Amino acid sequence: MNAPHPSKVAGIDSTVPSPAHTVAPAPATPGTPPVPPPNAPGALLQDRLAGWVSDLTTLHELTERLARTDVLSEALTEVLRAGAALVGARRGLVVLEPGDGLGPDTTIGLGLARADLGHIETVPRSAMSYGRILDGLPGADGEIAQPDLLAEDGLDPRHREVAARLGYAACYALPLTAEHMGRVGAAVWLYDEPAEPAERQRHLVGLYTRYASEHLARLVEVERTRACMATMAEELLPSRLPRVAGVQLAARHRTGPRGGGDWYDALPLPDAALGLAVGSVTGSGPSAVAAMGRLRASLRAYAVMEGEDPVAVLSDLELLLRLTEPARSATALFAYCEPALRKITLAGAGHCPPLLVGERRTEFVETSVSAPLGMLACWEAPSVEFQTEPGETVLLYTDGLLHRTGDPTDRAFARLHAAAAGVPRALRNDPDAIADHVLRTVLPDGLDAAESEEDVVLLAARFE
């Protein structure tokens, strides 16, 4: 057995500089009351008050920083950093695992690489302090301090091996518990040497984690709502694209955090034809997603009955929208495609024009200017007919692709045109590669996945 190491109290490493608790006495001047000596009761009280002010300042700064986070992963990282400063540790991990089992579940480390977290996860769960907290094992209803791990007689052999490999000798764990959700997760801070936080540090980090747990619980609810809305929207869209002779299809869809009404569709029609549609319903949230689902289902029915006349399809859709969704408007574009002839007939209602991408041309298809559905007493606009060359791709998209750029409309269209024209020659035979290239170019630096109120739809059809 290893000889026990003497316990060491870890010092606080606050991100806010602590003011000095005592001040050197100033030289006495005539008429000035004498300054009490440092060990006088008044000086001790002043020193203690200064310490309280320092602690409150630190907590205020740390909670303010946490309150500014509105993404769950960022909030978890901030909790780890603030806790490490309060307990005097360099490394740690937080395990998010809500007690109701509804997720989301994740593990984030501070000063630990992904491989390090993988090593820690190989330790039996019941041997780790966070595992005992999350599983509600006896003695794990509060803080768990292990000031000298390697000196413990009953330490799990695998835990001892991992601790030695990663170079930590002590740990301090706290549960993250919210009032309305219960257990949210657990946080663990790791020390390089035998150590444990002092009583004052435990008090401060306890106050901080109480606030942090409530903040994390709110973000968990937001994340669940976003995931639910994204799932609903995806389920209302095609689960897979059809296979039609003479044409290859690819689609990309990005849902905003609140769930929007952008949609697309591709369906086989009689006489070896193909119907392509994109559209957007005003609003966001569950009602917009539900309206989008109803509109898409109705368009499919109208397309089967009279798809060769896109104007009639959109006219029927406009009448349905006015009768069933009087408070909404929508944009839509429907294209009736004859792949054998590479002929396309389309009509649009307030929607962006398609983009034709080929070896010798990259141009927007000229469509008639028309109002969105539901904006006029009666909608009708002429259709447009054009023919593609072999190997050309037609891109249909929603205006969310343009809005996410943050540019004015004319510059956003120019950016989209440049992205399509710049598709490498080697990728032009693959509509999936074309769609990915356009998204990455129009929305660089992760803008296609970033938080945005705008949905994005991109539908690519390459004609052979």
Protein backbone atom coordinates (compact mmCIF):
# COMPACT_ATOMS: atom_id res chain seq x y z
CA MET A 1 0.00 0.00 0.00
CA ASN A 2 1.30 3.46 -0.81
CA ALA A 3 2.17 5.70 2.08
CA PRO A 4 -0.54 8.36 2.49
CA HIS A 5 0.36 11.81 1.26
CA PRO A 6 -0.35 14.78 3.49
CA SER A 7 -3.51 16.54 2.36
CA LYS A 8 -3.01 19.87 0.66
CA VAL A 9 -5.65 22.60 0.45
CA ALA A 10 -6.02 23.80 -3.12
CA GLY A 11 -5.91 27.55 -3.61
CA ILE A 12 -8.66 29.43 -5.38
CA ASP A 13 -7.83 30.55 -8.91
CA SER A 14 -10.57 33.08 -9.55
CA THR A 15 -11.03 34.70 -12.90
CA VAL A 16 -11.79 37.95 -11.06
CA PRO A 17 -8.80 39.40 -9.18
CA SER A 18 -9.50 39.44 -5.47
CA PRO A 19 -8.93 42.77 -3.78
CA ALA A 20 -6.44 42.94 -0.93
CA HIS A 21 -8.16 42.30 2.38
CA THR A 22 -5.95 44.70 4.34
CA VAL A 23 -4.36 48.01 3.51
CA ALA A 24 -1.09 49.35 4.87
CA PRO A 25 -1.73 52.12 7.40
CA ALA A 26 -1.25 55.64 6.09
CA PRO A 27 1.05 58.04 7.92
CA ALA A 28 -0.73 59.79 10.75
CA THR A 29 -1.56 63.47 10.31
CA PRO A 30 -2.60 65.96 12.94
CA GLY A 31 -6.29 65.65 13.74
CA THR A 32 -6.59 62.18 12.16
CA PRO A 33 -7.89 59.39 14.43
CA PRO A 34 -5.30 56.71 15.07
CA VAL A 35 -5.48 53.64 12.80
CA PRO A 36 -6.23 50.45 14.77
CA PRO A 37 -3.54 47.78 14.70
CA PRO A 38 -4.04 44.85 12.28
CA ASN A 39 -5.16 42.50 15.05
CA ALA A 40 -7.78 44.89 16.42
CA PRO A 41 -11.46 43.73 16.21
CA GLY A 42 -12.27 46.47 13.69
CA ALA A 43 -9.48 45.42 11.35
CA LEU A 44 -10.54 41.78 11.54
CA LEU A 45 -14.13 42.74 10.70
CA GLN A 46 -12.94 44.90 7.81
CA ASP A 47 -10.81 42.04 6.52
CA ARG A 48 -13.74 39.64 6.69
CA LEU A 49 -16.08 42.06 4.92
CA ALA A 50 -13.51 42.57 2.18
CA GLY A 51 -13.32 38.80 1.75
CA TRP A 52 -17.10 38.55 1.41
CA VAL A 53 -17.15 41.34 -1.16
CA SER A 54 -14.43 39.56 -3.12
CA ASP A 55 -16.37 36.29 -3.08
CA LEU A 56 -19.61 37.96 -4.16
CA THR A 57 -17.81 39.78 -6.95
CA THR A 58 -16.35 36.52 -8.17
CA LEU A 59 -19.71 34.72 -8.10
CA HIS A 60 -21.43 37.62 -9.84
CA GLU A 61 -18.87 37.65 -12.65
CA LEU A 62 -19.02 33.88 -13.15
CA THR A 63 -22.82 33.68 -13.12
CA GLU A 64 -23.04 36.60 -15.53
CA ARG A 65 -20.75 34.78 -17.95
CA LEU A 66 -22.86 31.64 -17.65
CA ALA A 67 -26.10 33.56 -18.20
CA ARG A 68 -24.76 34.82 -21.53
CA THR A 69 -24.49 31.27 -22.90
CA ASP A 70 -27.51 30.08 -24.87
CA VAL A 71 -26.08 26.87 -26.33
CA LEU A 72 -25.92 23.77 -24.13
CA SER A 73 -22.36 22.77 -25.04
CA GLU A 74 -21.06 26.29 -24.37
CA ALA A 75 -22.84 26.38 -21.00
CA LEU A 76 -21.32 23.05 -19.95
CA THR A 77 -17.85 24.26 -20.85
CA GLU A 78 -18.40 27.48 -18.90
CA VAL A 79 -19.55 25.52 -15.83
CA LEU A 80 -16.35 23.49 -15.96
CA ARG A 81 -14.14 26.56 -16.30
CA ALA A 82 -15.86 28.47 -13.50
CA GLY A 83 -15.85 25.47 -11.17
CA ALA A 84 -12.17 24.85 -11.84
CA ALA A 85 -11.40 28.47 -10.90
CA LEU A 86 -13.43 28.19 -7.69
CA VAL A 87 -11.94 24.91 -6.45
CA GLY A 88 -8.41 25.49 -7.74
CA ALA A 89 -8.27 22.69 -10.32
CA ARG A 90 -6.93 22.63 -13.88
CA ARG A 91 -8.97 19.85 -15.39
CA GLY A 92 -12.40 18.30 -15.13
CA LEU A 93 -15.39 16.82 -16.88
CA VAL A 94 -19.12 17.26 -16.76
CA VAL A 95 -21.51 14.42 -17.56
CA LEU A 96 -24.94 15.56 -18.73
CA GLU A 97 -27.47 12.82 -18.03
CA PRO A 98 -30.96 14.04 -17.02
CA GLY A 99 -32.66 11.81 -14.50
CA ASP A 100 -35.86 11.46 -16.55
CA GLY A 101 -33.93 9.57 -19.23
CA LEU A 102 -35.13 11.83 -22.05
CA GLY A 103 -31.67 13.19 -22.85
CA PRO A 104 -29.69 14.76 -24.27
CA ASP A 105 -26.72 12.82 -22.86
CA THR A 106 -23.16 14.03 -23.38
CA THR A 107 -19.76 14.28 -21.71
CA ILE A 108 -17.55 17.36 -22.04
CA GLY A 109 -14.01 17.69 -20.71
CA LEU A 110 -11.82 20.60 -19.64
CA GLY A 111 -8.12 20.01 -20.26
CA LEU A 112 -8.96 16.47 -21.36
CA ALA A 113 -8.75 15.29 -24.96
CA ARG A 114 -11.33 12.99 -26.48
CA ALA A 115 -8.98 10.06 -25.98
CA ASP A 116 -8.62 10.97 -22.28
CA LEU A 117 -12.39 10.92 -21.86
CA GLY A 118 -12.40 7.55 -23.59
CA HIS A 119 -9.92 6.21 -21.03
CA ILE A 120 -12.05 7.52 -18.16
CA GLU A 121 -15.14 5.83 -19.60
CA THR A 122 -13.36 2.46 -19.44
CA VAL A 123 -13.41 2.67 -15.63
CA PRO A 124 -16.43 0.87 -14.12
CA ARG A 125 -19.16 3.45 -13.65
CA SER A 126 -19.71 2.60 -9.99
CA ALA A 127 -16.01 3.28 -9.31
CA MET A 128 -16.21 6.86 -10.54
CA SER A 129 -17.60 9.66 -8.41
CA TYR A 130 -19.84 10.94 -11.20
CA GLY A 131 -21.17 7.42 -11.74
CA ARG A 132 -22.13 7.08 -8.08
CA ILE A 133 -23.88 10.45 -8.20
CA LEU A 134 -25.80 9.71 -11.41
CA ASP A 135 -26.83 6.21 -10.30
CA GLY A 136 -27.88 7.40 -6.84
CA LEU A 137 -25.60 5.01 -4.97
CA PRO A 138 -25.34 5.29 -1.15
CA GLY A 139 -23.31 8.24 0.03
CA ALA A 140 -23.52 10.02 -3.32
CA ASP A 141 -26.35 12.45 -2.62
CA GLY A 142 -23.95 15.40 -2.21
CA GLU A 143 -20.33 16.29 -2.80
CA ILE A 144 -17.72 13.53 -3.15
CA ALA A 145 -14.14 14.48 -2.30
CA GLN A 146 -11.26 12.08 -2.91
CA PRO A 147 -8.18 14.06 -1.77
CA ASP A 148 -5.67 11.26 -2.40
CA LEU A 149 -6.89 8.70 -4.91
CA LEU A 150 -3.73 6.63 -5.14
CA ALA A 151 -3.60 6.20 -1.36
CA GLU A 152 -7.11 4.73 -1.13
CA ASP A 153 -7.14 1.03 -0.24
CA GLY A 154 -10.36 0.18 -2.09
CA LEU A 155 -9.66 2.09 -5.31
CA ASP A 156 -10.69 0.16 -8.40
CA PRO A 157 -7.57 -1.17 -10.20
CA ARG A 158 -8.72 0.21 -13.54
CA HIS A 159 -9.37 3.59 -11.96
CA ARG A 160 -5.88 3.57 -10.44
CA GLU A 161 -4.38 2.76 -13.85
CA VAL A 162 -6.30 5.51 -15.65
CA ALA A 163 -5.51 8.09 -12.96
CA ALA A 164 -1.81 7.29 -13.23
CA ARG A 165 -1.91 7.44 -17.04
CA LEU A 166 -3.72 10.79 -17.14
CA GLY A 167 -1.77 12.21 -14.22
CA TYR A 168 -4.43 13.17 -11.71
CA ALA A 169 -4.18 12.33 -8.01
CA ALA A 170 -7.37 13.76 -6.49
CA CYS A 171 -10.88 14.72 -7.52
CA TYR A 172 -13.88 16.64 -6.28
CA ALA A 173 -17.38 15.95 -7.62
CA LEU A 174 -20.72 17.69 -7.25
CA PRO A 175 -24.22 16.76 -8.46
CA LEU A 176 -26.02 19.13 -10.81
CA THR A 177 -29.62 19.15 -9.62
CA ALA A 178 -32.42 21.50 -10.72
CA GLU A 179 -35.63 22.13 -8.83
CA HIS A 180 -38.12 21.23 -11.56
CA MET A 181 -36.07 18.63 -13.46
CA GLY A 182 -34.23 16.87 -10.66
CA ARG A 183 -30.87 15.42 -11.57
CA VAL A 184 -29.30 17.06 -14.61
CA GLY A 185 -25.81 15.58 -14.40
CA ALA A 186 -22.59 15.66 -12.42
CA ALA A 187 -19.37 17.67 -12.55
CA VAL A 188 -15.92 16.41 -11.52
CA TRP A 189 -12.74 18.47 -11.14
CA LEU A 190 -9.34 16.78 -11.16
CA TYR A 191 -6.14 17.77 -9.28
CA ASP A 192 -2.65 16.95 -10.43
CA GLU A 193 -1.54 16.37 -6.82
CA PRO A 194 -3.29 15.23 -3.63
CA ALA A 195 -5.57 18.13 -2.68
CA GLU A 196 -9.11 19.12 -1.81
CA PRO A 197 -11.01 22.42 -1.77
CA ALA A 198 -11.20 24.38 1.48
CA GLU A 199 -14.50 25.03 3.24
CA ARG A 200 -14.80 28.51 1.72
CA GLN A 201 -14.20 27.13 -1.77
CA ARG A 202 -16.80 24.40 -1.28
CA HIS A 203 -19.33 26.99 -0.20
CA LEU A 204 -18.68 29.16 -3.27
CA VAL A 205 -18.76 26.33 -5.78
CA GLY A 206 -21.92 24.99 -4.15
CA LEU A 207 -23.66 28.34 -4.64
CA TYR A 208 -22.45 28.51 -8.20
CA THR A 209 -23.57 24.99 -9.16
CA ARG A 210 -27.05 25.63 -7.76
CA TYR A 211 -27.50 28.49 -10.18
CA ALA A 212 -25.72 26.62 -12.99
CA SER A 213 -28.00 23.59 -12.60
CA GLU A 214 -31.12 25.68 -13.17
CA HIS A 215 -29.54 27.34 -16.20
CA LEU A 216 -28.52 23.97 -17.64
CA ALA A 217 -31.99 22.56 -17.05
CA ARG A 218 -33.52 25.41 -19.07
CA LEU A 219 -31.08 24.80 -21.93
CA VAL A 220 -31.84 21.07 -21.82
CA GLU A 221 -35.54 21.86 -22.31
CA VAL A 222 -34.69 24.15 -25.21
CA GLU A 223 -32.49 21.47 -26.78
CA ARG A 224 -35.26 18.90 -26.43
CA THR A 225 -37.75 21.23 -28.09
CA ARG A 226 -35.35 21.89 -30.96
CA ALA A 227 -34.71 18.19 -31.47
CA CYS A 228 -38.43 17.47 -31.38
CA MET A 229 -39.18 20.18 -33.94
CA ALA A 230 -36.38 18.96 -36.20
CA THR A 231 -37.69 15.39 -35.99
CA MET A 232 -41.23 16.51 -36.79
CA ALA A 233 -40.06 18.51 -39.78
CA GLU A 234 -37.91 15.66 -41.11
CA GLU A 235 -40.73 13.14 -40.70
CA LEU A 236 -43.04 15.34 -42.76
CA LEU A 237 -40.52 15.45 -45.61
CA PRO A 238 -39.69 12.58 -47.99
CA SER A 239 -37.90 9.74 -46.21
CA ARG A 240 -36.08 8.98 -49.47
CA LEU A 241 -36.01 10.36 -52.98
CA PRO A 242 -37.60 8.32 -55.80
CA ARG A 243 -35.62 6.62 -58.53
CA VAL A 244 -36.74 7.80 -61.94
CA ALA A 245 -35.05 6.85 -65.20
CA GLY A 246 -33.11 9.68 -66.78
CA VAL A 247 -32.68 11.86 -63.69
CA GLN A 248 -30.61 11.81 -60.50
CA LEU A 249 -31.84 13.57 -57.35
CA ALA A 250 -30.27 14.96 -54.19
CA ALA A 251 -31.72 17.07 -51.38
CA ARG A 252 -30.39 19.01 -48.39
CA HIS A 253 -32.52 20.35 -45.56
CA ARG A 254 -31.44 22.43 -42.56
CA THR A 255 -34.02 23.22 -39.90
CA GLY A 256 -33.89 26.33 -37.72
CA PRO A 257 -34.00 25.99 -33.93
CA ARG A 258 -37.72 26.78 -33.68
CA GLY A 259 -38.73 24.65 -36.65
CA GLY A 260 -39.88 26.33 -39.83
CA GLY A 261 -42.15 25.70 -42.76
CA ASP A 262 -39.69 25.10 -45.61
CA TRP A 263 -40.27 21.87 -47.51
CA TYR A 264 -39.48 19.98 -50.70
CA ASP A 265 -40.89 17.02 -52.57
CA ALA A 266 -40.13 14.72 -55.49
CA LEU A 267 -42.71 12.23 -56.68
CA PRO A 268 -43.11 9.95 -59.71
CA LEU A 269 -46.08 10.85 -61.90
CA PRO A 270 -47.95 9.01 -64.67
CA ASP A 271 -46.32 8.65 -68.09
CA ALA A 272 -42.80 8.36 -66.61
CA ALA A 273 -42.92 11.99 -65.48
CA LEU A 274 -41.49 13.49 -62.31
CA GLY A 275 -42.84 16.23 -60.08
CA LEU A 276 -40.45 18.49 -58.18
CA ALA A 277 -41.60 21.02 -55.62
CA VAL A 278 -40.18 23.38 -53.02
CA GLY A 279 -42.02 25.83 -50.82
CA SER A 280 -42.17 27.76 -47.60
CA VAL A 281 -44.99 28.51 -45.16
CA THR A 282 -44.91 31.72 -43.12
CA GLY A 283 -44.25 31.45 -39.41
CA SER A 284 -42.25 29.07 -37.27
CA GLY A 285 -42.83 26.54 -34.54
CA PRO A 286 -45.22 23.58 -34.36
CA SER A 287 -48.08 25.33 -36.16
CA ALA A 288 -45.88 26.22 -39.14
CA VAL A 289 -44.51 22.68 -39.31
CA ALA A 290 -48.05 21.25 -39.24
CA ALA A 291 -49.21 23.66 -41.95
CA MET A 292 -46.20 22.71 -44.05
CA GLY A 293 -47.14 19.04 -43.76
CA ARG A 294 -50.73 19.69 -44.81
CA LEU A 295 -49.66 21.85 -47.76
CA ARG A 296 -47.14 19.30 -49.01
CA ALA A 297 -49.66 16.44 -48.78
CA SER A 298 -52.23 18.48 -50.71
CA LEU A 299 -49.75 19.38 -53.42
CA ARG A 300 -48.93 15.71 -53.92
CA ALA A 301 -52.60 14.95 -54.51
CA TYR A 302 -53.03 17.83 -56.97
CA ALA A 303 -49.81 16.87 -58.79
CA VAL A 304 -51.05 13.33 -59.39
CA MET A 305 -54.35 14.61 -60.79
CA GLU A 306 -53.13 17.51 -62.95
CA GLY A 307 -49.36 17.65 -62.66
CA GLU A 308 -48.81 18.36 -66.35
CA ASP A 309 -50.36 21.79 -65.68
CA PRO A 310 -48.29 23.38 -62.86
CA VAL A 311 -50.48 26.51 -62.89
CA ALA A 312 -53.56 24.42 -62.09
CA VAL A 313 -51.67 22.64 -59.30
CA LEU A 314 -50.71 25.90 -57.62
CA SER A 315 -54.17 27.41 -58.20
CA ASP A 316 -55.76 24.50 -56.37
CA LEU A 317 -53.18 24.82 -53.61
CA GLU A 318 -53.89 28.54 -53.27
CA LEU A 319 -57.63 27.92 -52.93
CA LEU A 320 -57.02 25.29 -50.27
CA LEU A 321 -54.70 27.62 -48.36
CA ARG A 322 -57.24 30.46 -48.34
CA LEU A 323 -59.99 28.15 -47.07
CA THR A 324 -58.03 26.20 -44.46
CA GLU A 325 -55.18 28.57 -43.48
CA PRO A 326 -56.64 32.08 -43.88
CA ALA A 327 -54.01 33.63 -41.60
CA ARG A 328 -51.06 32.21 -43.55
CA SER A 329 -49.36 32.75 -46.83
CA ALA A 330 -46.88 30.52 -48.61
CA THR A 331 -44.45 30.49 -51.48
CA ALA A 332 -44.22 27.47 -53.75
CA LEU A 333 -42.67 26.26 -56.97
CA PHE A 334 -43.83 23.18 -58.85
CA ALA A 335 -42.03 21.68 -61.84
CA TYR A 336 -43.43 18.98 -64.13
CA CYS A 337 -40.44 17.12 -65.59
CA GLU A 338 -40.30 14.75 -68.56
CA PRO A 339 -36.87 13.13 -68.12
CA ALA A 340 -36.91 11.36 -71.50
CA LEU A 341 -37.19 14.72 -73.25
CA ARG A 342 -35.30 16.68 -70.57
CA LYS A 343 -38.25 19.05 -70.69
CA ILE A 344 -39.47 21.00 -67.66
CA THR A 345 -42.65 23.01 -67.21
CA LEU A 346 -42.86 25.01 -63.99
CA ALA A 347 -44.87 27.65 -62.21
CA GLY A 348 -43.93 29.66 -59.16
CA ALA A 349 -45.84 31.65 -56.56
CA GLY A 350 -43.58 34.25 -54.98
CA HIS A 351 -40.69 31.81 -55.04
CA CYS A 352 -37.03 32.12 -56.02
CA PRO A 353 -36.19 31.14 -59.62
CA PRO A 354 -34.43 27.81 -60.23
CA LEU A 355 -30.76 27.77 -61.15
CA LEU A 356 -29.57 25.81 -64.18
CA VAL A 357 -26.00 24.46 -63.87
CA GLY A 358 -24.18 22.92 -66.82
CA GLU A 359 -20.85 22.69 -68.60
CA ARG A 360 -21.53 25.66 -70.86
CA ARG A 361 -23.95 27.74 -68.80
CA THR A 362 -24.93 28.66 -65.26
CA GLU A 363 -28.03 30.81 -65.26
CA PHE A 364 -31.25 31.49 -63.42
CA VAL A 365 -34.41 30.34 -65.18
CA GLU A 366 -36.61 33.30 -66.05
CA THR A 367 -39.97 32.92 -64.32
CA SER A 368 -42.95 35.26 -64.23
CA VAL A 369 -43.26 37.59 -61.24
CA SER A 370 -46.13 36.44 -59.02
CA ALA A 371 -47.42 36.94 -55.50
CA PRO A 372 -47.20 34.25 -52.82
CA LEU A 373 -50.15 31.98 -52.27
CA GLY A 374 -52.82 33.48 -50.02
CA MET A 375 -51.84 37.10 -50.71
CA LEU A 376 -54.37 37.83 -53.47
CA ALA A 377 -58.07 37.05 -53.88
CA CYS A 378 -57.20 34.75 -56.76
CA TRP A 379 -53.74 33.59 -57.74
CA GLU A 380 -52.71 32.76 -61.27
CA ALA A 381 -49.46 33.23 -63.18
CA PRO A 382 -48.24 31.81 -66.50
CA SER A 383 -46.00 28.78 -66.53
CA VAL A 384 -42.49 28.61 -68.01
CA GLU A 385 -41.16 25.83 -70.22
CA PHE A 386 -37.49 25.07 -70.89
CA GLN A 387 -35.23 22.18 -71.83
CA THR A 388 -31.98 21.07 -70.27
CA GLU A 389 -28.89 19.80 -72.02
CA PRO A 390 -27.52 16.33 -71.19
CA GLY A 391 -25.71 16.41 -67.87
CA GLU A 392 -27.21 19.70 -66.68
CA THR A 393 -28.54 20.09 -63.14
CA VAL A 394 -31.52 22.14 -61.98
CA LEU A 395 -31.27 23.57 -58.46
CA LEU A 396 -34.48 24.38 -56.59
CA TYR A 397 -34.11 26.11 -53.22
CA THR A 398 -35.93 28.22 -50.65
CA ASP A 399 -35.14 31.81 -49.73
CA GLY A 400 -33.71 30.65 -46.40
CA LEU A 401 -30.53 29.78 -48.32
CA LEU A 402 -30.24 33.43 -49.34
CA HIS A 403 -31.28 34.90 -45.99
CA ARG A 404 -28.72 32.91 -44.02
CA THR A 405 -25.91 34.63 -45.91
CA GLY A 406 -26.81 37.91 -44.22
CA ASP A 407 -26.25 39.72 -47.54
CA PRO A 408 -28.73 41.92 -49.43
CA THR A 409 -30.87 39.99 -51.87
CA ASP A 410 -28.92 40.91 -55.00
CA ARG A 411 -25.59 39.99 -53.41
CA ALA A 412 -27.03 36.73 -52.07
CA PHE A 413 -28.20 35.77 -55.57
CA ALA A 414 -24.78 36.65 -56.93
CA ARG A 415 -23.12 34.49 -54.29
CA LEU A 416 -25.37 31.56 -55.17
CA HIS A 417 -24.65 31.96 -58.88
CA ALA A 418 -20.90 32.10 -58.26
CA ALA A 419 -21.05 29.00 -56.06
CA ALA A 420 -22.89 27.03 -58.73
CA ALA A 421 -20.59 28.24 -61.50
CA GLY A 422 -17.58 27.23 -59.42
CA VAL A 423 -18.55 23.58 -58.99
CA PRO A 424 -15.45 21.58 -60.04
CA ARG A 425 -15.78 19.69 -63.28
CA ALA A 426 -15.13 16.39 -61.51
CA LEU A 427 -18.21 16.89 -59.30
CA ARG A 428 -20.73 17.93 -61.93
CA ASN A 429 -21.88 14.37 -62.57
CA ASP A 430 -22.99 13.90 -58.94
CA PRO A 431 -25.98 15.96 -57.68
CA ASP A 432 -25.05 15.15 -54.07
CA ALA A 433 -21.59 16.62 -54.57
CA ILE A 434 -23.07 19.66 -56.32
CA ALA A 435 -25.50 20.28 -53.45
CA ASP A 436 -22.74 19.97 -50.85
CA HIS A 437 -20.42 22.28 -52.76
CA VAL A 438 -23.10 24.95 -53.17
CA LEU A 439 -24.03 24.81 -49.47
CA ARG A 440 -20.42 25.02 -48.31
CA THR A 441 -19.69 27.93 -50.67
CA VAL A 442 -22.84 29.97 -50.10
CA LEU A 443 -22.83 29.30 -46.34
CA PRO A 444 -19.16 28.97 -45.32
CA ASP A 445 -17.72 28.50 -41.84
CA GLY A 446 -20.59 26.36 -40.63
CA LEU A 447 -23.36 28.84 -41.48
CA ASP A 448 -25.42 25.97 -42.90
CA ALA A 449 -25.45 24.34 -39.45
CA ALA A 450 -25.39 27.51 -37.33
CA GLU A 451 -28.31 28.69 -35.24
CA SER A 452 -30.68 30.62 -37.51
CA GLU A 453 -34.36 31.34 -37.70
CA GLU A 454 -34.24 30.41 -41.40
CA ASP A 455 -34.73 26.92 -42.76
CA VAL A 456 -32.71 25.91 -45.80
CA VAL A 457 -33.88 23.62 -48.60
CA LEU A 458 -31.83 22.69 -51.64
CA LEU A 459 -33.11 20.18 -54.22
CA ALA A 460 -30.84 19.15 -57.12
CA ALA A 461 -32.03 17.25 -60.21
CA ARG A 462 -29.42 16.21 -62.79
CA PHE A 463 -30.80 15.17 -66.20
CA GLU A 464 -28.88 12.57 -68.17
